[in-house]
Amino acid sequence: QNCAKAIFTTQKADKNKAVEDVCALFDKWGAVFEDQIPAEGFIHGLPYPTPADLALLNITNAGYMPFGSARKLAQYDFGKWEKVTALCDRVKADENVSKYLSESEYTEANPFGM
């Protein structure tokens, strides 16, 4: 199971199966992330986000390919993972991350029109 397979292959043959696969994948990893995420601060305990925090932000709500496309396809809401959501909110609130997200044309790029 992976997001790329679901959006590029499975959805062409069976959209419902692709949605099911994406939800199962996000549920599986959402639980793992939720268990490991600190209630406060960032993943590595530093006063600023690291690539680990940014990767989670990319998976849950800041990137489009492949995770954003999969989220859109499945209409998946990461909001059910409270610690993950809170961490991503802290990451987005970081001055440098916020600036990048507001100025970048790439985080929401949809090159395949999905």
Foldseek 3Di string as FASTA:
>chain_A
DDQCCLVPPVCVPPLVVSLVVLVVVCVVVLVVCLVQFDQDAENVPDNAYDVVLVVLLLQQPFAVPPNVVSCVSNVDHSVVSPRSVVSSVVNCPPPVNVVCSVPDPHRNDDVPVD
